[in-house]
Structures are given as C-alpha cells and as structure tokens.
C-alpha cells in the first residue's frame, strides 16, 4: 500500500477530487498555502493499493494541469529603497498549477 500526498492549487480541487471520487478513490483534504506565490493550495491525502498508484497519478495529471499566468512583481531594490506603489510593479509570466506528489509506503489503513 501507498500513502499519497498531492499538493494542488485550490482552482483544481473540484476537478481532481471529482475525478478521483468517480473512480472510487476518496481523499482527506488538508488546507495549505504555497511559499512562493502565497496562494491557497490544497493537499489531498489518500491511501491506495500498489497496483492503483499509476491510475491515481494519471487522474492527477489529467485534472491538475500547469498553465501560464501573469502576476505583478515589484523589483525588490525599487520597492524597499524608494517606497514605490504597486503601480510600478512589473508583469511577469509564471507557470502555475500542476501537482506536487509525495508517495510513501503504508503498512495499513484502518477506518473505525
């Protein structure tokens, strides 16, 4: 058995969990936030049999895709030394979304 911890963006949560539930995988949701963009992430936790691991990975891959997004970023040297407003921020394109997946060995799952 394996314990999967999948970190996804909040925007992808409904699609990911809906697809997992349709295939009879049930998850526990843990709220989390990203360190880089400080956006809300969701960590889902589920236990699966070894032979189901690839099926879950495919569901995650198909439902939490990466995408390009523009954010406004303030140059650190200007913001700190000159007290500039947010209007001086520079638009920067970044990749968001996708999945960070941790797979750990699991001895058992008990529900009671």
PDB file of N, CA and C in Angstrom:
ATOM      1  N   UNK A   1       0.839  -1.186   0.000  1.00  0.00           N
ATOM      2  CA  UNK A   1       0.000   0.000   0.000  1.00  0.00           C
ATOM      3  C   UNK A   1       0.873   1.234   0.000  1.00  0.00           C
ATOM      4  N   UNK A   2       0.289   2.330  -0.485  1.00  0.00           N
ATOM      5  CA  UNK A   2       1.000   3.599  -0.540  1.00  0.00           C
ATOM      6  C   UNK A   2       0.116   4.717   0.016  1.00  0.00           C
ATOM      7  N   UNK A   3       0.764   5.685   0.649  1.00  0.00           N
ATOM      8  CA  UNK A   3       0.097   6.912   1.071  1.00  0.00           C
ATOM      9  C   UNK A   3       0.523   7.996   0.096  1.00  0.00           C
ATOM     10  N   UNK A   4      -0.455   8.641  -0.540  1.00  0.00           N
ATOM     11  CA  UNK A   4      -0.175   9.702  -1.489  1.00  0.00           C
ATOM     12  C   UNK A   4      -0.571  11.031  -0.884  1.00  0.00           C
ATOM     13  N   UNK A   5       0.329  11.993  -0.957  1.00  0.00           N
ATOM     14  CA  UNK A   5       0.060  13.375  -0.578  1.00  0.00           C
ATOM     15  C   UNK A   5       0.243  14.199  -1.840  1.00  0.00           C
ATOM     16  N   UNK A   6      -0.838  14.756  -2.351  1.00  0.00           N
ATOM     17  CA  UNK A   6      -0.800  15.524  -3.593  1.00  0.00           C
ATOM     18  C   UNK A   6      -1.144  16.973  -3.283  1.00  0.00           C
ATOM     19  N   UNK A   7      -0.228  17.873  -3.608  1.00  0.00           N
ATOM     20  CA  UNK A   7      -0.459  19.302  -3.407  1.00  0.00           C
ATOM     21  C   UNK A   7      -0.911  19.875  -4.738  1.00  0.00           C
ATOM     22  N   UNK A   8      -2.121  20.469  -4.726  1.00  0.00           N
ATOM     23  CA  UNK A   8      -2.699  21.041  -5.942  1.00  0.00           C
ATOM     24  C   UNK A   8      -3.182  22.455  -5.636  1.00  0.00           C
ATOM     25  N   UNK A   9      -3.386  23.252  -6.678  1.00  0.00           N
ATOM     26  CA  UNK A   9      -3.958  24.578  -6.478  1.00  0.00           C
ATOM     27  C   UNK A   9      -5.437  24.453  -6.154  1.00  0.00           C
ATOM     28  N   UNK A  10      -5.922  25.386  -5.368  1.00  0.00           N
ATOM     29  CA  UNK A  10      -7.335  25.380  -4.991  1.00  0.00           C
ATOM     30  C   UNK A  10      -8.237  25.354  -6.228  1.00  0.00           C
ATOM     31  N   UNK A  11      -7.826  26.037  -7.297  1.00  0.00           N
ATOM     32  CA  UNK A  11      -8.630  26.088  -8.528  1.00  0.00           C
ATOM     33  C   UNK A  11      -8.830  24.711  -9.149  1.00  0.00           C
ATOM     34  N   UNK A  12      -7.920  23.774  -8.891  1.00  0.00           N
ATOM     35  CA  UNK A  12      -8.004  22.437  -9.482  1.00  0.00           C
ATOM     36  C   UNK A  12      -8.704  21.427  -8.586  1.00  0.00           C
ATOM     37  N   UNK A  13      -9.035  21.816  -7.370  1.00  0.00           N
ATOM     38  CA  UNK A  13      -9.552  20.873  -6.375  1.00  0.00           C
ATOM     39  C   UNK A  13     -10.814  20.139  -6.841  1.00  0.00           C
ATOM     40  N   UNK A  14     -11.820  20.862  -7.282  1.00  0.00           N
ATOM     41  CA  UNK A  14     -13.092  20.219  -7.651  1.00  0.00           C
ATOM     42  C   UNK A  14     -12.910  19.205  -8.776  1.00  0.00           C
ATOM     43  N   UNK A  15     -12.140  19.555  -9.802  1.00  0.00           N
ATOM     44  CA  UNK A  15     -11.929  18.634 -10.926  1.00  0.00           C
ATOM     45  C   UNK A  15     -11.162  17.392 -10.474  1.00  0.00           C
ATOM     46  N   UNK A  16     -10.116  17.582  -9.676  1.00  0.00           N
ATOM     47  CA  UNK A  16      -9.294  16.461  -9.225  1.00  0.00           C
ATOM     48  C   UNK A  16     -10.094  15.520  -8.330  1.00  0.00           C
ATOM     49  N   UNK A  17     -10.731  16.055  -7.312  1.00  0.00           N
ATOM     50  CA  UNK A  17     -11.458  15.207  -6.363  1.00  0.00           C
ATOM     51  C   UNK A  17     -12.687  14.577  -7.022  1.00  0.00           C
ATOM     52  N   UNK A  18     -13.349  15.298  -7.895  1.00  0.00           N
ATOM     53  CA  UNK A  18     -14.474  14.722  -8.622  1.00  0.00           C
ATOM     54  C   UNK A  18     -14.045  13.522  -9.451  1.00  0.00           C
ATOM     55  N   UNK A  19     -12.922  13.647 -10.162  1.00  0.00           N
ATOM     56  CA  UNK A  19     -12.412  12.543 -10.980  1.00  0.00           C
ATOM     57  C   UNK A  19     -11.976  11.365 -10.107  1.00  0.00           C
ATOM     58  N   UNK A  20     -11.323  11.644  -8.990  1.00  0.00           N
ATOM     59  CA  UNK A  20     -10.921  10.569  -8.074  1.00  0.00           C
ATOM     60  C   UNK A  20     -12.143   9.852  -7.496  1.00  0.00           C
ATOM     61  N   UNK A  21     -13.146  10.615  -7.073  1.00  0.00           N
ATOM     62  CA  UNK A  21     -14.357  10.015  -6.492  1.00  0.00           C
ATOM     63  C   UNK A  21     -15.105   9.148  -7.501  1.00  0.00           C
ATOM     64  N   UNK A  22     -15.153   9.581  -8.765  1.00  0.00           N
ATOM     65  CA  UNK A  22     -15.825   8.780  -9.795  1.00  0.00           C
ATOM     66  C   UNK A  22     -15.159   7.410  -9.966  1.00  0.00           C
ATOM     67  N   UNK A  23     -13.874   7.344  -9.662  1.00  0.00           N
ATOM     68  CA  UNK A  23     -13.134   6.074  -9.752  1.00  0.00           C
ATOM     69  C   UNK A  23     -13.051   5.378  -8.388  1.00  0.00           C
ATOM     70  N   UNK A  24     -13.859   5.839  -7.433  1.00  0.00           N
ATOM     71  CA  UNK A  24     -13.963   5.251  -6.091  1.00  0.00           C
ATOM     72  C   UNK A  24     -12.710   5.432  -5.240  1.00  0.00           C
ATOM     73  N   UNK A  25     -11.995   6.541  -5.458  1.00  0.00           N
ATOM     74  CA  UNK A  25     -10.899   6.935  -4.574  1.00  0.00           C
ATOM     75  C   UNK A  25     -11.425   8.082  -3.717  1.00  0.00           C
ATOM     76  N   UNK A  26     -11.238   7.979  -2.427  1.00  0.00           N
ATOM     77  CA  UNK A  26     -11.728   9.007  -1.525  1.00  0.00           C
ATOM     78  C   UNK A  26     -10.545   9.641  -0.822  1.00  0.00           C
ATOM     79  N   UNK A  27     -10.623  10.942  -0.588  1.00  0.00           N
ATOM     80  CA  UNK A  27      -9.475  11.697  -0.108  1.00  0.00           C
ATOM     81  C   UNK A  27      -9.792  12.414   1.195  1.00  0.00           C
ATOM     82  N   UNK A  28      -8.746  12.771   1.889  1.00  0.00           N
ATOM     83  CA  UNK A  28      -8.840  13.686   3.022  1.00  0.00           C
ATOM     84  C   UNK A  28      -8.181  14.982   2.586  1.00  0.00           C
ATOM     85  N   UNK A  29      -8.867  16.090   2.810  1.00  0.00           N
ATOM     86  CA  UNK A  29      -8.405  17.397   2.375  1.00  0.00           C
ATOM     87  C   UNK A  29      -7.685  18.101   3.519  1.00  0.00           C
ATOM     88  N   UNK A  30      -6.515  18.654   3.211  1.00  0.00           N
ATOM     89  CA  UNK A  30      -5.747  19.454   4.156  1.00  0.00           C
ATOM     90  C   UNK A  30      -5.480  20.812   3.512  1.00  0.00           C
ATOM     91  N   UNK A  31      -5.857  21.901   4.149  1.00  0.00           N
ATOM     92  CA  UNK A  31      -5.578  23.222   3.589  1.00  0.00           C
ATOM     93  C   UNK A  31      -4.105  23.552   3.776  1.00  0.00           C
ATOM     94  N   UNK A  32      -3.534  24.195   2.770  1.00  0.00           N
ATOM     95  CA  UNK A  32      -2.133  24.594   2.833  1.00  0.00           C
ATOM     96  C   UNK A  32      -1.951  25.825   1.966  1.00  0.00           C
ATOM     97  N   UNK A  33      -0.803  26.466   2.059  1.00  0.00           N
ATOM     98  CA  UNK A  33      -0.536  27.616   1.200  1.00  0.00           C
ATOM     99  C   UNK A  33       0.876  27.516   0.666  1.00  0.00           C
ATOM    100  N   UNK A  34       1.048  28.026  -0.540  1.00  0.00           N
ATOM    101  CA  UNK A  34       2.351  27.957  -1.193  1.00  0.00           C
ATOM    102  C   UNK A  34       3.305  28.998  -0.640  1.00  0.00           C
ATOM    103  N   UNK A  35       4.570  28.673  -0.621  1.00  0.00           N
ATOM    104  CA  UNK A  35       5.581  29.601  -0.119  1.00  0.00           C
ATOM    105  C   UNK A  35       5.988  30.639  -1.131  1.00  0.00           C
ATOM    106  N   UNK A  36       5.930  30.335  -2.426  1.00  0.00           N
ATOM    107  CA  UNK A  36       6.396  31.269  -3.446  1.00  0.00           C
ATOM    108  C   UNK A  36       5.334  32.305  -3.791  1.00  0.00           C
ATOM    109  N   UNK A  37       4.164  31.865  -4.222  1.00  0.00           N
ATOM    110  CA  UNK A  37       3.103  32.791  -4.624  1.00  0.00           C
ATOM    111  C   UNK A  37       2.156  33.144  -3.491  1.00  0.00           C
ATOM    112  N   UNK A  38       2.264  32.433  -2.374  1.00  0.00           N
ATOM    113  CA  UNK A  38       1.384  32.627  -1.221  1.00  0.00           C
ATOM    114  C   UNK A  38      -0.091  32.496  -1.595  1.00  0.00           C
ATOM    115  N   UNK A  39      -0.362  31.577  -2.486  1.00  0.00           N
ATOM    116  CA  UNK A  39      -1.729  31.296  -2.896  1.00  0.00           C
ATOM    117  C   UNK A  39      -2.198  30.049  -2.185  1.00  0.00           C
ATOM    118  N   UNK A  40      -3.498  29.925  -2.060  1.00  0.00           N
ATOM    119  CA  UNK A  40      -4.048  28.778  -1.347  1.00  0.00           C
ATOM    120  C   UNK A  40      -3.886  27.511  -2.168  1.00  0.00           C
ATOM    121  N   UNK A  41      -3.296  26.534  -1.546  1.00  0.00           N
ATOM    122  CA  UNK A  41      -3.172  25.192  -2.109  1.00  0.00           C
ATOM    123  C   UNK A  41      -4.048  24.269  -1.286  1.00  0.00           C
ATOM    124  N   UNK A  42      -4.264  23.110  -1.830  1.00  0.00           N
ATOM    125  CA  UNK A  42      -4.954  22.067  -1.092  1.00  0.00           C
ATOM    126  C   UNK A  42      -4.076  20.829  -1.182  1.00  0.00           C
ATOM    127  N   UNK A  43      -3.847  20.206  -0.052  1.00  0.00           N
ATOM    128  CA  UNK A  43      -3.133  18.943  -0.036  1.00  0.00           C
ATOM    129  C   UNK A  43      -4.166  17.856   0.178  1.00  0.00           C
ATOM    130  N   UNK A  44      -4.203  16.905  -0.752  1.00  0.00           N
ATOM    131  CA  UNK A  44      -5.111  15.783  -0.575  1.00  0.00           C
ATOM    132  C   UNK A  44      -4.286  14.557  -0.205  1.00  0.00           C
ATOM    133  N   UNK A  45      -4.858  13.758   0.672  1.00  0.00           N
ATOM    134  CA  UNK A  45      -4.184  12.580   1.189  1.00  0.00           C
ATOM    135  C   UNK A  45      -5.074  11.374   0.903  1.00  0.00           C
ATOM    136  N   UNK A  46      -4.477  10.325   0.330  1.00  0.00           N
ATOM    137  CA  UNK A  46      -5.244   9.116   0.105  1.00  0.00           C
ATOM    138  C   UNK A  46      -4.333   7.899   0.152  1.00  0.00           C
ATOM    139  N   UNK A  47      -4.896   6.812   0.611  1.00  0.00           N
ATOM    140  CA  UNK A  47      -4.188   5.541   0.637  1.00  0.00           C
ATOM    141  C   UNK A  47      -4.671   4.681  -0.512  1.00  0.00           C
ATOM    142  N   UNK A  48      -3.722   4.057  -1.217  1.00  0.00           N
ATOM    143  CA  UNK A  48      -4.083   3.221  -2.360  1.00  0.00           C
ATOM    144  C   UNK A  48      -3.271   1.923  -2.334  1.00  0.00           C
ATOM    145  N   UNK A  49      -3.815   0.914  -2.968  1.00  0.00           N
ATOM    146  CA  UNK A  49      -3.068  -0.322  -3.175  1.00  0.00           C
ATOM    147  C   UNK A  49      -1.971  -0.054  -4.196  1.00  0.00           C
ATOM    148  N   UNK A  50      -0.901  -0.822  -4.146  1.00  0.00           N
ATOM    149  CA  UNK A  50       0.228  -0.611  -5.055  1.00  0.00           C
ATOM    150  C   UNK A  50      -0.195  -0.596  -6.522  1.00  0.00           C
ATOM    151  N   UNK A  51      -1.104  -1.490  -6.898  1.00  0.00           N
ATOM    152  CA  UNK A  51      -1.499  -1.579  -8.305  1.00  0.00           C
ATOM    153  C   UNK A  51      -2.427  -0.434  -8.745  1.00  0.00           C
ATOM    154  N   UNK A  52      -2.904   0.391  -7.825  1.00  0.00           N
ATOM    155  CA  UNK A  52      -3.757   1.537  -8.161  1.00  0.00           C
ATOM    156  C   UNK A  52      -2.975   2.843  -8.283  1.00  0.00           C
ATOM    157  N   UNK A  53      -1.710   2.824  -7.911  1.00  0.00           N
ATOM    158  CA  UNK A  53      -0.889   4.038  -7.876  1.00  0.00           C
ATOM    159  C   UNK A  53      -0.870   4.758  -9.229  1.00  0.00           C
ATOM    160  N   UNK A  54      -0.588   4.048 -10.300  1.00  0.00           N
ATOM    161  CA  UNK A  54      -0.498   4.681 -11.621  1.00  0.00           C
ATOM    162  C   UNK A  54      -1.838   5.256 -12.079  1.00  0.00           C
ATOM    163  N   UNK A  55      -2.927   4.601 -11.717  1.00  0.00           N
ATOM    164  CA  UNK A  55      -4.259   5.110 -12.071  1.00  0.00           C
ATOM    165  C   UNK A  55      -4.504   6.462 -11.402  1.00  0.00           C
ATOM    166  N   UNK A  56      -4.131   6.576 -10.131  1.00  0.00           N
ATOM    167  CA  UNK A  56      -4.299   7.845  -9.406  1.00  0.00           C
ATOM    168  C   UNK A  56      -3.396   8.917 -10.005  1.00  0.00           C
ATOM    169  N   UNK A  57      -2.162   8.569 -10.330  1.00  0.00           N
ATOM    170  CA  UNK A  57      -1.234   9.539 -10.929  1.00  0.00           C
ATOM    171  C   UNK A  57      -1.814  10.069 -12.237  1.00  0.00           C
ATOM    172  N   UNK A  58      -2.387   9.196 -13.053  1.00  0.00           N
ATOM    173  CA  UNK A  58      -2.990   9.640 -14.318  1.00  0.00           C
ATOM    174  C   UNK A  58      -4.157  10.591 -14.072  1.00  0.00           C
ATOM    175  N   UNK A  59      -4.997  10.290 -13.104  1.00  0.00           N
ATOM    176  CA  UNK A  59      -6.121  11.177 -12.773  1.00  0.00           C
ATOM    177  C   UNK A  59      -5.595  12.546 -12.343  1.00  0.00           C
ATOM    178  N   UNK A  60      -4.572  12.557 -11.495  1.00  0.00           N
ATOM    179  CA  UNK A  60      -3.990  13.822 -11.054  1.00  0.00           C
ATOM    180  C   UNK A  60      -3.421  14.596 -12.236  1.00  0.00           C
ATOM    181  N   UNK A  61      -2.671  13.917 -13.075  1.00  0.00           N
ATOM    182  CA  UNK A  61      -2.037  14.544 -14.237  1.00  0.00           C
ATOM    183  C   UNK A  61      -3.087  15.132 -15.192  1.00  0.00           C
ATOM    184  N   UNK A  62      -4.181  14.403 -15.385  1.00  0.00           N
ATOM    185  CA  UNK A  62      -5.218  14.840 -16.324  1.00  0.00           C
ATOM    186  C   UNK A  62      -6.080  15.985 -15.799  1.00  0.00           C
ATOM    187  N   UNK A  63      -6.124  16.174 -14.480  1.00  0.00           N
ATOM    188  CA  UNK A  63      -7.074  17.136 -13.909  1.00  0.00           C
ATOM    189  C   UNK A  63      -6.443  18.316 -13.175  1.00  0.00           C
ATOM    190  N   UNK A  64      -5.138  18.364 -13.099  1.00  0.00           N
ATOM    191  CA  UNK A  64      -4.459  19.498 -12.450  1.00  0.00           C
ATOM    192  C   UNK A  64      -3.286  19.909 -13.318  1.00  0.00           C
ATOM    193  N   UNK A  65      -3.606  20.467 -14.472  1.00  0.00           N
ATOM    194  CA  UNK A  65      -2.564  20.790 -15.439  1.00  0.00           C
ATOM    195  C   UNK A  65      -1.878  22.118 -15.122  1.00  0.00           C
ATOM    196  N   UNK A  66      -0.647  22.252 -15.601  1.00  0.00           N
ATOM    197  CA  UNK A  66       0.074  23.514 -15.466  1.00  0.00           C
ATOM    198  C   UNK A  66      -0.465  24.498 -16.488  1.00  0.00           C
ATOM    199  N   UNK A  67      -0.418  25.776 -16.143  1.00  0.00           N
ATOM    200  CA  UNK A  67      -0.856  26.830 -17.045  1.00  0.00           C
ATOM    201  C   UNK A  67      -0.038  28.086 -16.792  1.00  0.00           C
ATOM    202  N   UNK A  68      -0.019  28.984 -17.763  1.00  0.00           N
ATOM    203  CA  UNK A  68       0.712  30.240 -17.637  1.00  0.00           C
ATOM    204  C   UNK A  68      -0.207  31.294 -17.028  1.00  0.00           C
ATOM    205  N   UNK A  69       0.347  32.120 -16.149  1.00  0.00           N
ATOM    206  CA  UNK A  69      -0.422  33.183 -15.518  1.00  0.00           C
ATOM    207  C   UNK A  69       0.482  34.397 -15.352  1.00  0.00           C
ATOM    208  N   UNK A  70      -0.083  35.567 -15.516  1.00  0.00           N
ATOM    209  CA  UNK A  70       0.676  36.800 -15.335  1.00  0.00           C
ATOM    210  C   UNK A  70       0.442  37.335 -13.927  1.00  0.00           C
ATOM    211  N   UNK A  71       1.530  37.614 -13.230  1.00  0.00           N
ATOM    212  CA  UNK A  71       1.440  38.246 -11.918  1.00  0.00           C
ATOM    213  C   UNK A  71       2.210  39.559 -11.986  1.00  0.00           C
ATOM    214  N   UNK A  72       1.950  40.439 -11.047  1.00  0.00           N
ATOM    215  CA  UNK A  72       2.670  41.708 -10.988  1.00  0.00           C
ATOM    216  C   UNK A  72       3.707  41.608  -9.871  1.00  0.00           C
ATOM    217  N   UNK A  73       4.935  41.893 -10.228  1.00  0.00           N
ATOM    218  CA  UNK A  73       6.049  41.710  -9.309  1.00  0.00           C
ATOM    219  C   UNK A  73       6.804  43.026  -9.136  1.00  0.00           C
ATOM    220  N   UNK A  74       7.032  43.417  -7.904  1.00  0.00           N
ATOM    221  CA  UNK A  74       7.767  44.639  -7.603  1.00  0.00           C
ATOM    222  C   UNK A  74       9.252  44.323  -7.508  1.00  0.00           C
ATOM    223  N   UNK A  75      10.090  45.013  -8.284  1.00  0.00           N
ATOM    224  CA  UNK A  75      11.533  44.811  -8.117  1.00  0.00           C
ATOM    225  C   UNK A  75      11.939  45.132  -6.679  1.00  0.00           C
ATOM    226  N   UNK A  76      12.636  44.227  -6.039  1.00  0.00           N
ATOM    227  CA  UNK A  76      12.955  44.359  -4.619  1.00  0.00           C
ATOM    228  C   UNK A  76      13.740  45.633  -4.327  1.00  0.00           C
ATOM    229  N   UNK A  77      14.734  45.950  -5.130  1.00  0.00           N
ATOM    230  CA  UNK A  77      15.563  47.125  -4.854  1.00  0.00           C
ATOM    231  C   UNK A  77      14.757  48.413  -4.933  1.00  0.00           C
ATOM    232  N   UNK A  78      13.813  48.512  -5.885  1.00  0.00           N
ATOM    233  CA  UNK A  78      12.996  49.715  -6.008  1.00  0.00           C
ATOM    234  C   UNK A  78      11.981  49.819  -4.879  1.00  0.00           C
ATOM    235  N   UNK A  79      11.334  48.708  -4.580  1.00  0.00           N
ATOM    236  CA  UNK A  79      10.278  48.723  -3.569  1.00  0.00           C
ATOM    237  C   UNK A  79      10.825  49.069  -2.194  1.00  0.00           C
ATOM    238  N   UNK A  80      11.959  48.518  -1.843  1.00  0.00           N
ATOM    239  CA  UNK A  80      12.458  48.730  -0.488  1.00  0.00           C
ATOM    240  C   UNK A  80      13.153  50.073  -0.317  1.00  0.00           C
ATOM    241  N   UNK A  81      13.828  50.546  -1.342  1.00  0.00           N
ATOM    242  CA  UNK A  81      14.601  51.784  -1.160  1.00  0.00           C
ATOM    243  C   UNK A  81      13.847  53.053  -1.531  1.00  0.00           C
ATOM    244  N   UNK A  82      12.808  52.934  -2.346  1.00  0.00           N
ATOM    245  CA  UNK A  82      12.117  54.138  -2.800  1.00  0.00           C
ATOM    246  C   UNK A  82      10.655  54.212  -2.383  1.00  0.00           C
ATOM    247  N   UNK A  83      10.129  53.209  -1.710  1.00  0.00           N
ATOM    248  CA  UNK A  83       8.739  53.223  -1.270  1.00  0.00           C
ATOM    249  C   UNK A  83       7.751  53.360  -2.408  1.00  0.00           C
ATOM    250  N   UNK A  84       7.993  52.712  -3.535  1.00  0.00           N
ATOM    251  CA  UNK A  84       7.122  52.832  -4.697  1.00  0.00           C
ATOM    252  C   UNK A  84       5.795  52.119  -4.479  1.00  0.00           C
ATOM    253  N   UNK A  85       4.769  52.587  -5.159  1.00  0.00           N
ATOM    254  CA  UNK A  85       3.445  51.987  -5.103  1.00  0.00           C
ATOM    255  C   UNK A  85       3.393  50.733  -5.965  1.00  0.00           C
ATOM    256  N   UNK A  86       2.334  49.952  -5.806  1.00  0.00           N
ATOM    257  CA  UNK A  86       2.155  48.722  -6.580  1.00  0.00           C
ATOM    258  C   UNK A  86       2.026  48.999  -8.069  1.00  0.00           C
ATOM    259  N   UNK A  87       1.678  50.248  -8.456  1.00  0.00           N
ATOM    260  CA  UNK A  87       1.523  50.562  -9.872  1.00  0.00           C
ATOM    261  C   UNK A  87       2.846  50.446 -10.618  1.00  0.00           C
ATOM    262  N   UNK A  88       3.971  50.450  -9.914  1.00  0.00           N
ATOM    263  CA  UNK A  88       5.276  50.306 -10.548  1.00  0.00           C
ATOM    264  C   UNK A  88       5.656  48.839 -10.732  1.00  0.00           C
ATOM    265  N   UNK A  89       4.767  47.928 -10.354  1.00  0.00           N
ATOM    266  CA  UNK A  89       5.069  46.502 -10.451  1.00  0.00           C
ATOM    267  C   UNK A  89       5.189  46.088 -11.913  1.00  0.00           C
ATOM    268  N   UNK A  90       6.032  45.109 -12.149  1.00  0.00           N
ATOM    269  CA  UNK A  90       6.306  44.615 -13.492  1.00  0.00           C
ATOM    270  C   UNK A  90       5.512  43.325 -13.708  1.00  0.00           C
ATOM    271  N   UNK A  91       4.787  43.211 -14.849  1.00  0.00           N
ATOM    272  CA  UNK A  91       4.085  41.953 -15.121  1.00  0.00           C
ATOM    273  C   UNK A  91       5.096  40.854 -15.479  1.00  0.00           C
ATOM    274  N   UNK A  92       4.925  39.685 -14.854  1.00  0.00           N
ATOM    275  CA  UNK A  92       5.805  38.544 -15.088  1.00  0.00           C
ATOM    276  C   UNK A  92       4.938  37.320 -15.332  1.00  0.00           C
ATOM    277  N   UNK A  93       5.258  36.552 -16.387  1.00  0.00           N
ATOM    278  CA  UNK A  93       4.528  35.315 -16.653  1.00  0.00           C
ATOM    279  C   UNK A  93       5.188  34.164 -15.917  1.00  0.00           C
ATOM    280  N   UNK A  94       4.374  33.359 -15.247  1.00  0.00           N
ATOM    281  CA  UNK A  94       4.879  32.200 -14.499  1.00  0.00           C
ATOM    282  C   UNK A  94       4.002  30.985 -14.784  1.00  0.00           C
ATOM    283  N   UNK A  95       4.528  29.808 -14.501  1.00  0.00           N
ATOM    284  CA  UNK A  95       3.743  28.577 -14.576  1.00  0.00           C
ATOM    285  C   UNK A  95       3.081  28.347 -13.229  1.00  0.00           C
ATOM    286  N   UNK A  96       1.786  28.045 -13.245  1.00  0.00           N
ATOM    287  CA  UNK A  96       1.052  27.699 -12.022  1.00  0.00           C
ATOM    288  C   UNK A  96       0.315  26.390 -12.267  1.00  0.00           C
ATOM    289  N   UNK A  97      -0.184  25.814 -11.203  1.00  0.00           N
ATOM    290  CA  UNK A  97      -0.938  24.578 -11.323  1.00  0.00           C
ATOM    291  C   UNK A  97      -0.035  23.361 -11.302  1.00  0.00           C
ATOM    292  N   UNK A  98      -0.583  22.259 -11.743  1.00  0.00           N
ATOM    293  CA  UNK A  98       0.166  21.017 -11.692  1.00  0.00           C
ATOM    294  C   UNK A  98       0.031  20.362 -10.329  1.00  0.00           C
ATOM    295  N   UNK A  99       0.828  19.356 -10.101  1.00  0.00           N
ATOM    296  CA  UNK A  99       0.746  18.570  -8.875  1.00  0.00           C
ATOM    297  C   UNK A  99       2.147  18.356  -8.326  1.00  0.00           C
ATOM    298  N   UNK A 100       2.282  18.495  -7.020  1.00  0.00           N
ATOM    299  CA  UNK A 100       3.474  18.008  -6.334  1.00  0.00           C
ATOM    300  C   UNK A 100       3.007  16.784  -5.560  1.00  0.00           C
ATOM    301  N   UNK A 101       3.580  15.628  -5.892  1.00  0.00           N
ATOM    302  CA  UNK A 101       3.100  14.360  -5.348  1.00  0.00           C
ATOM    303  C   UNK A 101       4.182  13.687  -4.512  1.00  0.00           C
ATOM    304  N   UNK A 102       3.824  13.337  -3.288  1.00  0.00           N
ATOM    305  CA  UNK A 102       4.685  12.565  -2.400  1.00  0.00           C
ATOM    306  C   UNK A 102       4.068  11.184  -2.257  1.00  0.00           C
ATOM    307  N   UNK A 103       4.860  10.147  -2.461  1.00  0.00           N
ATOM    308  CA  UNK A 103       4.399   8.770  -2.332  1.00  0.00           C
ATOM    309  C   UNK A 103       5.207   8.096  -1.236  1.00  0.00           C
ATOM    310  N   UNK A 104       4.500   7.588  -0.218  1.00  0.00           N
ATOM    311  CA  UNK A 104       5.171   6.957   0.919  1.00  0.00           C
ATOM    312  C   UNK A 104       4.650   5.539   1.110  1.00  0.00           C
ATOM    313  N   UNK A 105       5.490   4.642   1.615  1.00  0.00           N
ATOM    314  CA  UNK A 105       4.994   3.294   1.911  1.00  0.00           C
ATOM    315  C   UNK A 105       3.995   3.346   3.063  1.00  0.00           C
ATOM    316  N   UNK A 106       3.014   2.465   3.027  1.00  0.00           N
ATOM    317  CA  UNK A 106       1.961   2.456   4.041  1.00  0.00           C
ATOM    318  C   UNK A 106       1.709   1.018   4.470  1.00  0.00           C
ATOM    319  N   UNK A 107       1.761   0.772   5.762  1.00  0.00           N
ATOM    320  CA  UNK A 107       1.542  -0.577   6.272  1.00  0.00           C
ATOM    321  C   UNK A 107       0.066  -0.970   6.270  1.00  0.00           C
ATOM    322  N   UNK A 108      -0.802  -0.033   6.676  1.00  0.00           N
ATOM    323  CA  UNK A 108      -2.229  -0.370   6.719  1.00  0.00           C
ATOM    324  C   UNK A 108      -3.066   0.895   6.803  1.00  0.00           C
ATOM    325  N   UNK A 109      -4.340   0.708   6.504  1.00  0.00           N
ATOM    326  CA  UNK A 109      -5.340   1.767   6.674  1.00  0.00           C
ATOM    327  C   UNK A 109      -6.442   1.169   7.528  1.00  0.00           C
ATOM    328  N   UNK A 110      -6.838   1.873   8.569  1.00  0.00           N
ATOM    329  CA  UNK A 110      -7.937   1.417   9.413  1.00  0.00           C
ATOM    330  C   UNK A 110      -8.979   2.520   9.506  1.00  0.00           C
ATOM    331  N   UNK A 111     -10.211   2.180   9.296  1.00  0.00           N
ATOM    332  CA  UNK A 111     -11.326   3.131   9.439  1.00  0.00           C
ATOM    333  C   UNK A 111     -12.267   2.562  10.476  1.00  0.00           C
ATOM    334  N   UNK A 112     -12.522   3.321  11.521  1.00  0.00           N
ATOM    335  CA  UNK A 112     -13.471   2.868  12.548  1.00  0.00           C
ATOM    336  C   UNK A 112     -14.126   4.030  13.211  1.00  0.00           C
TER     337      UNK A 112
END
